[in-house]
C-alpha atoms as a PDB file:
ATOM      1  CA  UNK A   1      25.865  -4.983 -12.819  1.00  0.00           C
ATOM      2  CA  UNK A   2      28.360  -7.289 -11.155  1.00  0.00           C
ATOM      3  CA  UNK A   3      26.790 -10.689 -10.517  1.00  0.00           C
ATOM      4  CA  UNK A   4      28.506 -13.159  -8.244  1.00  0.00           C
ATOM      5  CA  UNK A   5      28.036 -16.894  -8.421  1.00  0.00           C
ATOM      6  CA  UNK A   6      25.095 -18.166  -6.385  1.00  0.00           C
ATOM      7  CA  UNK A   7      26.028 -20.611  -3.650  1.00  0.00           C
ATOM      8  CA  UNK A   8      25.823 -24.325  -4.372  1.00  0.00           C
ATOM      9  CA  UNK A   9      23.033 -24.633  -1.795  1.00  0.00           C
ATOM     10  CA  UNK A  10      20.922 -22.052  -3.640  1.00  0.00           C
ATOM     11  CA  UNK A  11      21.660 -23.200  -7.180  1.00  0.00           C
ATOM     12  CA  UNK A  12      21.287 -26.933  -6.381  1.00  0.00           C
ATOM     13  CA  UNK A  13      23.364 -29.733  -7.905  1.00  0.00           C
ATOM     14  CA  UNK A  14      21.645 -30.832 -11.114  1.00  0.00           C
ATOM     15  CA  UNK A  15      21.736 -34.443 -12.270  1.00  0.00           C
ATOM     16  CA  UNK A  16      19.527 -34.255 -15.362  1.00  0.00           C
ATOM     17  CA  UNK A  17      17.522 -31.966 -17.620  1.00  0.00           C
ATOM     18  CA  UNK A  18      14.698 -31.338 -15.119  1.00  0.00           C
ATOM     19  CA  UNK A  19      17.181 -30.690 -12.346  1.00  0.00           C
ATOM     20  CA  UNK A  20      19.107 -28.249 -14.535  1.00  0.00           C
ATOM     21  CA  UNK A  21      15.953 -26.325 -15.409  1.00  0.00           C
ATOM     22  CA  UNK A  22      15.205 -26.187 -11.697  1.00  0.00           C
ATOM     23  CA  UNK A  23      18.701 -24.894 -10.952  1.00  0.00           C
ATOM     24  CA  UNK A  24      18.312 -22.160 -13.579  1.00  0.00           C
ATOM     25  CA  UNK A  25      14.983 -21.074 -12.097  1.00  0.00           C
ATOM     26  CA  UNK A  26      16.304 -21.058  -8.531  1.00  0.00           C
ATOM     27  CA  UNK A  27      19.298 -18.958  -9.610  1.00  0.00           C
ATOM     28  CA  UNK A  28      17.201 -16.556 -11.686  1.00  0.00           C
ATOM     29  CA  UNK A  29      14.694 -16.138  -8.854  1.00  0.00           C
ATOM     30  CA  UNK A  30      17.460 -15.205  -6.445  1.00  0.00           C
ATOM     31  CA  UNK A  31      18.855 -12.651  -8.906  1.00  0.00           C
ATOM     32  CA  UNK A  32      15.388 -11.161  -9.379  1.00  0.00           C
ATOM     33  CA  UNK A  33      15.017 -10.776  -5.642  1.00  0.00           C
ATOM     34  CA  UNK A  34      18.401  -9.092  -5.359  1.00  0.00           C
ATOM     35  CA  UNK A  35      18.503  -6.890  -8.447  1.00  0.00           C
ATOM     36  CA  UNK A  36      15.016  -6.584  -9.968  1.00  0.00           C
ATOM     37  CA  UNK A  37      13.656  -7.466 -13.386  1.00  0.00           C
ATOM     38  CA  UNK A  38      15.361  -4.854 -15.531  1.00  0.00           C
ATOM     39  CA  UNK A  39      18.844  -5.430 -14.173  1.00  0.00           C
ATOM     40  CA  UNK A  40      19.361  -9.083 -15.023  1.00  0.00           C
ATOM     41  CA  UNK A  41      20.079 -10.795 -18.325  1.00  0.00           C
ATOM     42  CA  UNK A  42      20.590 -14.352 -19.508  1.00  0.00           C
ATOM     43  CA  UNK A  43      24.308 -13.691 -19.246  1.00  0.00           C
ATOM     44  CA  UNK A  44      23.898 -12.666 -15.601  1.00  0.00           C
ATOM     45  CA  UNK A  45      22.048 -15.902 -14.844  1.00  0.00           C
ATOM     46  CA  UNK A  46      24.741 -17.937 -16.599  1.00  0.00           C
ATOM     47  CA  UNK A  47      27.517 -16.109 -14.755  1.00  0.00           C
ATOM     48  CA  UNK A  48      25.843 -16.733 -11.406  1.00  0.00           C
ATOM     49  CA  UNK A  49      25.781 -20.463 -12.242  1.00  0.00           C
ATOM     50  CA  UNK A  50      29.333 -20.567 -13.566  1.00  0.00           C
ATOM     51  CA  UNK A  51      28.045 -21.397 -17.074  1.00  0.00           C
ATOM     52  CA  UNK A  52      28.213 -19.869 -20.540  1.00  0.00           C
ATOM     53  CA  UNK A  53      25.186 -17.914 -21.752  1.00  0.00           C
ATOM     54  CA  UNK A  54      24.737 -20.276 -24.711  1.00  0.00           C
ATOM     55  CA  UNK A  55      24.244 -23.115 -22.236  1.00  0.00           C
ATOM     56  CA  UNK A  56      20.987 -21.574 -20.955  1.00  0.00           C
ATOM     57  CA  UNK A  57      19.373 -21.437 -24.399  1.00  0.00           C
ATOM     58  CA  UNK A  58      19.115 -25.222 -24.478  1.00  0.00           C
ATOM     59  CA  UNK A  59      16.629 -24.960 -21.601  1.00  0.00           C
ATOM     60  CA  UNK A  60      14.969 -21.576 -22.167  1.00  0.00           C
ATOM     61  CA  UNK A  61      14.658 -19.594 -25.445  1.00  0.00           C
ATOM     62  CA  UNK A  62      15.112 -16.273 -23.628  1.00  0.00           C
ATOM     63  CA  UNK A  63      14.794 -14.233 -20.472  1.00  0.00           C
ATOM     64  CA  UNK A  64      11.034 -13.865 -20.927  1.00  0.00           C
ATOM     65  CA  UNK A  65      10.626 -17.633 -20.797  1.00  0.00           C
ATOM     66  CA  UNK A  66      12.648 -17.835 -17.585  1.00  0.00           C
ATOM     67  CA  UNK A  67      10.504 -15.113 -16.014  1.00  0.00           C
ATOM     68  CA  UNK A  68       7.308 -16.842 -17.136  1.00  0.00           C
ATOM     69  CA  UNK A  69       8.452 -20.120 -15.555  1.00  0.00           C
ATOM     70  CA  UNK A  70       9.270 -18.344 -12.278  1.00  0.00           C
ATOM     71  CA  UNK A  71       5.864 -16.623 -12.250  1.00  0.00           C
ATOM     72  CA  UNK A  72       4.104 -19.939 -12.916  1.00  0.00           C
ATOM     73  CA  UNK A  73       5.991 -21.505 -10.033  1.00  0.00           C
ATOM     74  CA  UNK A  74       5.081 -18.674  -7.665  1.00  0.00           C
ATOM     75  CA  UNK A  75       1.419 -19.016  -8.600  1.00  0.00           C
ATOM     76  CA  UNK A  76       1.628 -22.761  -7.932  1.00  0.00           C
ATOM     77  CA  UNK A  77       3.114 -22.130  -4.484  1.00  0.00           C
ATOM     78  CA  UNK A  78       0.348 -19.637  -3.629  1.00  0.00           C
ATOM     79  CA  UNK A  79      -2.315 -22.048  -4.856  1.00  0.00           C
ATOM     80  CA  UNK A  80      -0.842 -25.013  -2.981  1.00  0.00           C
ATOM     81  CA  UNK A  81      -0.552 -23.004   0.242  1.00  0.00           C
ATOM     82  CA  UNK A  82      -4.193 -21.928   0.001  1.00  0.00           C
ATOM     83  CA  UNK A  83      -5.374 -25.464  -0.685  1.00  0.00           C
ATOM     84  CA  UNK A  84      -3.330 -26.879   2.174  1.00  0.00           C
ATOM     85  CA  UNK A  85      -4.874 -24.334   4.558  1.00  0.00           C
ATOM     86  CA  UNK A  86      -8.366 -25.121   3.282  1.00  0.00           C
ATOM     87  CA  UNK A  87      -7.777 -28.858   3.537  1.00  0.00           C
ATOM     88  CA  UNK A  88      -7.007 -28.545   7.237  1.00  0.00           C
ATOM     89  CA  UNK A  89     -10.543 -27.296   7.940  1.00  0.00           C
ATOM     90  CA  UNK A  90     -13.839 -29.208   7.971  1.00  0.00           C
ATOM     91  CA  UNK A  91     -16.523 -26.531   8.169  1.00  0.00           C
ATOM     92  CA  UNK A  92     -17.254 -24.710   4.851  1.00  0.00           C
ATOM     93  CA  UNK A  93     -17.134 -21.309   6.585  1.00  0.00           C
ATOM     94  CA  UNK A  94     -13.760 -22.125   8.142  1.00  0.00           C
ATOM     95  CA  UNK A  95     -12.512 -23.353   4.787  1.00  0.00           C
ATOM     96  CA  UNK A  96     -13.383 -20.071   3.055  1.00  0.00           C
ATOM     97  CA  UNK A  97     -11.832 -18.082   5.920  1.00  0.00           C
ATOM     98  CA  UNK A  98      -8.689 -20.226   5.692  1.00  0.00           C
ATOM     99  CA  UNK A  99      -8.484 -19.420   1.978  1.00  0.00           C
ATOM    100  CA  UNK A 100      -8.549 -15.676   2.728  1.00  0.00           C
ATOM    101  CA  UNK A 101      -5.895 -16.088   5.428  1.00  0.00           C
ATOM    102  CA  UNK A 102      -3.579 -18.090   3.201  1.00  0.00           C
ATOM    103  CA  UNK A 103      -3.902 -15.674   0.300  1.00  0.00           C
ATOM    104  CA  UNK A 104      -3.206 -12.705   2.572  1.00  0.00           C
ATOM    105  CA  UNK A 105      -0.098 -14.378   3.983  1.00  0.00           C
ATOM    106  CA  UNK A 106       1.185 -15.340   0.543  1.00  0.00           C
ATOM    107  CA  UNK A 107       0.614 -11.830  -0.824  1.00  0.00           C
ATOM    108  CA  UNK A 108       2.533 -10.266   2.063  1.00  0.00           C
ATOM    109  CA  UNK A 109       5.373 -12.770   1.740  1.00  0.00           C
ATOM    110  CA  UNK A 110       5.890 -12.169  -1.965  1.00  0.00           C
ATOM    111  CA  UNK A 111       5.624  -8.422  -1.714  1.00  0.00           C
ATOM    112  CA  UNK A 112       8.457  -8.531   0.830  1.00  0.00           C
ATOM    113  CA  UNK A 113      10.598 -10.996  -1.131  1.00  0.00           C
ATOM    114  CA  UNK A 114      10.302  -9.244  -4.491  1.00  0.00           C
ATOM    115  CA  UNK A 115      10.869  -5.640  -3.493  1.00  0.00           C
ATOM    116  CA  UNK A 116      13.584  -5.114  -6.110  1.00  0.00           C
ATOM    117  CA  UNK A 117      11.607  -7.108  -8.671  1.00  0.00           C
ATOM    118  CA  UNK A 118       8.649  -4.738  -8.233  1.00  0.00           C
ATOM    119  CA  UNK A 119      10.851  -1.726  -8.802  1.00  0.00           C
ATOM    120  CA  UNK A 120      11.784  -3.198 -12.163  1.00  0.00           C
ATOM    121  CA  UNK A 121       8.115  -3.543 -13.066  1.00  0.00           C
ATOM    122  CA  UNK A 122       7.498   0.155 -12.472  1.00  0.00           C
ATOM    123  CA  UNK A 123       9.245   1.074 -15.714  1.00  0.00           C
ATOM    124  CA  UNK A 124       8.036   0.763 -19.297  1.00  0.00           C
ATOM    125  CA  UNK A 125      11.022  -1.366 -20.234  1.00  0.00           C
ATOM    126  CA  UNK A 126      10.598  -5.139 -20.457  1.00  0.00           C
ATOM    127  CA  UNK A 127       6.993  -4.525 -21.565  1.00  0.00           C
ATOM    128  CA  UNK A 128       6.732  -7.963 -23.173  1.00  0.00           C
ATOM    129  CA  UNK A 129       7.544  -9.692 -19.899  1.00  0.00           C
ATOM    130  CA  UNK A 130       5.059  -7.510 -18.011  1.00  0.00           C
ATOM    131  CA  UNK A 131       2.280  -8.253 -20.499  1.00  0.00           C
ATOM    132  CA  UNK A 132       3.066 -11.951 -20.336  1.00  0.00           C
ATOM    133  CA  UNK A 133       2.900 -11.901 -16.546  1.00  0.00           C
ATOM    134  CA  UNK A 134      -0.449 -10.080 -16.735  1.00  0.00           C
ATOM    135  CA  UNK A 135      -1.827 -12.818 -18.959  1.00  0.00           C
ATOM    136  CA  UNK A 136      -0.500 -15.479 -16.594  1.00  0.00           C
ATOM    137  CA  UNK A 137      -2.173 -13.644 -13.721  1.00  0.00           C
ATOM    138  CA  UNK A 138      -5.533 -13.669 -15.518  1.00  0.00           C
ATOM    139  CA  UNK A 139      -5.337 -17.434 -15.963  1.00  0.00           C
ATOM    140  CA  UNK A 140      -4.317 -17.886 -12.335  1.00  0.00           C
ATOM    141  CA  UNK A 141      -7.149 -15.694 -11.055  1.00  0.00           C
ATOM    142  CA  UNK A 142      -9.685 -17.562 -13.187  1.00  0.00           C
ATOM    143  CA  UNK A 143      -8.579 -20.888 -11.706  1.00  0.00           C
ATOM    144  CA  UNK A 144      -8.587 -19.503  -8.155  1.00  0.00           C
ATOM    145  CA  UNK A 145     -12.020 -17.926  -8.600  1.00  0.00           C
ATOM    146  CA  UNK A 146     -13.354 -21.281  -9.765  1.00  0.00           C
ATOM    147  CA  UNK A 147     -11.828 -22.968  -6.699  1.00  0.00           C
ATOM    148  CA  UNK A 148     -13.301 -20.391  -4.321  1.00  0.00           C
ATOM    149  CA  UNK A 149     -16.688 -20.743  -6.030  1.00  0.00           C
ATOM    150  CA  UNK A 150     -16.574 -24.497  -5.386  1.00  0.00           C
ATOM    151  CA  UNK A 151     -15.911 -23.847  -1.686  1.00  0.00           C
ATOM    152  CA  UNK A 152     -18.874 -21.493  -1.449  1.00  0.00           C
ATOM    153  CA  UNK A 153     -21.170 -23.829  -3.391  1.00  0.00           C
ATOM    154  CA  UNK A 154     -20.214 -26.564  -0.936  1.00  0.00           C
ATOM    155  CA  UNK A 155     -21.366 -24.281   1.883  1.00  0.00           C
ATOM    156  CA  UNK A 156     -24.622 -23.560   0.062  1.00  0.00           C
ATOM    157  CA  UNK A 157     -25.227 -27.254  -0.548  1.00  0.00           C
ATOM    158  CA  UNK A 158     -24.688 -28.125   3.124  1.00  0.00           C
ATOM    159  CA  UNK A 159     -26.867 -25.141   4.182  1.00  0.00           C
ATOM    160  CA  UNK A 160     -24.017 -23.456   6.059  1.00  0.00           C
ATOM    161  CA  UNK A 161     -24.377 -20.509   3.676  1.00  0.00           C
ATOM    162  CA  UNK A 162     -27.679 -19.078   2.526  1.00  0.00           C
ATOM    163  CA  UNK A 163     -29.082 -20.148  -0.820  1.00  0.00           C
ATOM    164  CA  UNK A 164     -27.156 -18.544  -3.673  1.00  0.00           C
ATOM    165  CA  UNK A 165     -27.388 -19.083  -7.384  1.00  0.00           C
ATOM    166  CA  UNK A 166     -24.308 -19.939  -9.413  1.00  0.00           C
ATOM    167  CA  UNK A 167     -24.437 -16.457 -10.922  1.00  0.00           C
ATOM    168  CA  UNK A 168     -24.450 -14.868  -7.472  1.00  0.00           C
ATOM    169  CA  UNK A 169     -21.514 -17.005  -6.365  1.00  0.00           C
ATOM    170  CA  UNK A 170     -19.530 -15.977  -9.443  1.00  0.00           C
ATOM    171  CA  UNK A 171     -20.304 -12.307  -8.796  1.00  0.00           C
ATOM    172  CA  UNK A 172     -19.133 -12.725  -5.206  1.00  0.00           C
ATOM    173  CA  UNK A 173     -15.853 -14.304  -6.327  1.00  0.00           C
ATOM    174  CA  UNK A 174     -15.249 -11.477  -8.806  1.00  0.00           C
ATOM    175  CA  UNK A 175     -15.733  -9.003  -5.977  1.00  0.00           C
ATOM    176  CA  UNK A 176     -13.337 -10.927  -3.751  1.00  0.00           C
ATOM    177  CA  UNK A 177     -10.559 -10.974  -6.337  1.00  0.00           C
ATOM    178  CA  UNK A 178     -11.052  -7.279  -7.063  1.00  0.00           C
ATOM    179  CA  UNK A 179     -10.544  -6.694  -3.329  1.00  0.00           C
ATOM    180  CA  UNK A 180      -7.415  -8.867  -3.347  1.00  0.00           C
ATOM    181  CA  UNK A 181      -5.996  -6.867  -6.254  1.00  0.00           C
ATOM    182  CA  UNK A 182      -6.649  -3.666  -4.315  1.00  0.00           C
ATOM    183  CA  UNK A 183      -4.793  -5.079  -1.318  1.00  0.00           C
ATOM    184  CA  UNK A 184      -1.842  -6.016  -3.524  1.00  0.00           C
ATOM    185  CA  UNK A 185      -1.724  -2.483  -4.943  1.00  0.00           C
ATOM    186  CA  UNK A 186      -1.724  -0.998  -1.445  1.00  0.00           C
ATOM    187  CA  UNK A 187       1.165  -3.276  -0.469  1.00  0.00           C
ATOM    188  CA  UNK A 188       3.027  -2.292  -3.624  1.00  0.00           C
ATOM    189  CA  UNK A 189       2.772   1.360  -2.583  1.00  0.00           C
ATOM    190  CA  UNK A 190       3.354   0.783   1.144  1.00  0.00           C
ATOM    191  CA  UNK A 191       4.837  -2.611   2.180  1.00  0.00           C
ATOM    192  CA  UNK A 192       4.415  -1.697   5.875  1.00  0.00           C
ATOM    193  CA  UNK A 193       0.686  -2.407   5.496  1.00  0.00           C
ATOM    194  CA  UNK A 194       1.539  -6.119   5.487  1.00  0.00           C
ATOM    195  CA  UNK A 195       1.769  -6.045   9.296  1.00  0.00           C
ATOM    196  CA  UNK A 196      -2.011  -5.972   9.740  1.00  0.00           C
ATOM    197  CA  UNK A 197      -2.967  -7.863   6.617  1.00  0.00           C
ATOM    198  CA  UNK A 198      -4.261 -10.994   8.327  1.00  0.00           C
ATOM    199  CA  UNK A 199      -6.479  -8.931  10.625  1.00  0.00           C
ATOM    200  CA  UNK A 200      -7.876  -7.043   7.650  1.00  0.00           C
ATOM    201  CA  UNK A 201      -8.581 -10.326   5.873  1.00  0.00           C
ATOM    202  CA  UNK A 202     -10.407 -11.513   8.986  1.00  0.00           C
ATOM    203  CA  UNK A 203     -12.533  -8.363   9.120  1.00  0.00           C
ATOM    204  CA  UNK A 204     -13.298  -8.632   5.405  1.00  0.00           C
ATOM    205  CA  UNK A 205     -14.437 -12.223   5.820  1.00  0.00           C
ATOM    206  CA  UNK A 206     -16.620 -11.437   8.852  1.00  0.00           C
ATOM    207  CA  UNK A 207     -18.386  -8.596   7.042  1.00  0.00           C
ATOM    208  CA  UNK A 208     -18.914 -10.697   3.939  1.00  0.00           C
ATOM    209  CA  UNK A 209     -20.063 -13.682   5.965  1.00  0.00           C
ATOM    210  CA  UNK A 210     -22.332 -11.938   8.461  1.00  0.00           C
ATOM    211  CA  UNK A 211     -23.447  -9.002   6.326  1.00  0.00           C
ATOM    212  CA  UNK A 212     -24.078  -5.429   7.439  1.00  0.00           C
ATOM    213  CA  UNK A 213     -27.685  -5.837   8.527  1.00  0.00           C
ATOM    214  CA  UNK A 214     -28.448  -6.504  12.194  1.00  0.00           C
END
């Protein structure tokens, strides 16, 4: 694969160790978006930055560590976007709905951005990186489920939602994240489904909130 240098605007202009790590991650993320997981190496990242491969090992032990740092950052962005959307609402019901909206938007955005990256994940190569990302995802989902549970418990406490036990709230959150995983799989198979994702999230929330009984 022929990798060209990333523009100065994309790679940033590092001034210290933290800035250099950031520049490496920005460059690697752009290469992932362009070429996919399997088709980039530490040497490719170094070439894109105009550096020697040995230079990168001061900041990251290997490609897997770079990928893990990018995944962590993406999870942080998703989490921050959801919390910002929730924070803009006052009513507990609106806050939970805002969480669903934000997650749907973030899922669609990343599925579109990482089309080549996803193709790389469809192979059995780079299994270590895939397993590591799966473990990172489990930690992320656990933290998000806990956050969503807190939002629902707030609604129960203020009597906006009906009385639910902690066990029932946890079961609800597990169901929600199973649904989110299903949506992500559908988008993986057919990215065009992203067009109506927000509407589907709205319908899902209304059914969950109002129930099926008249």
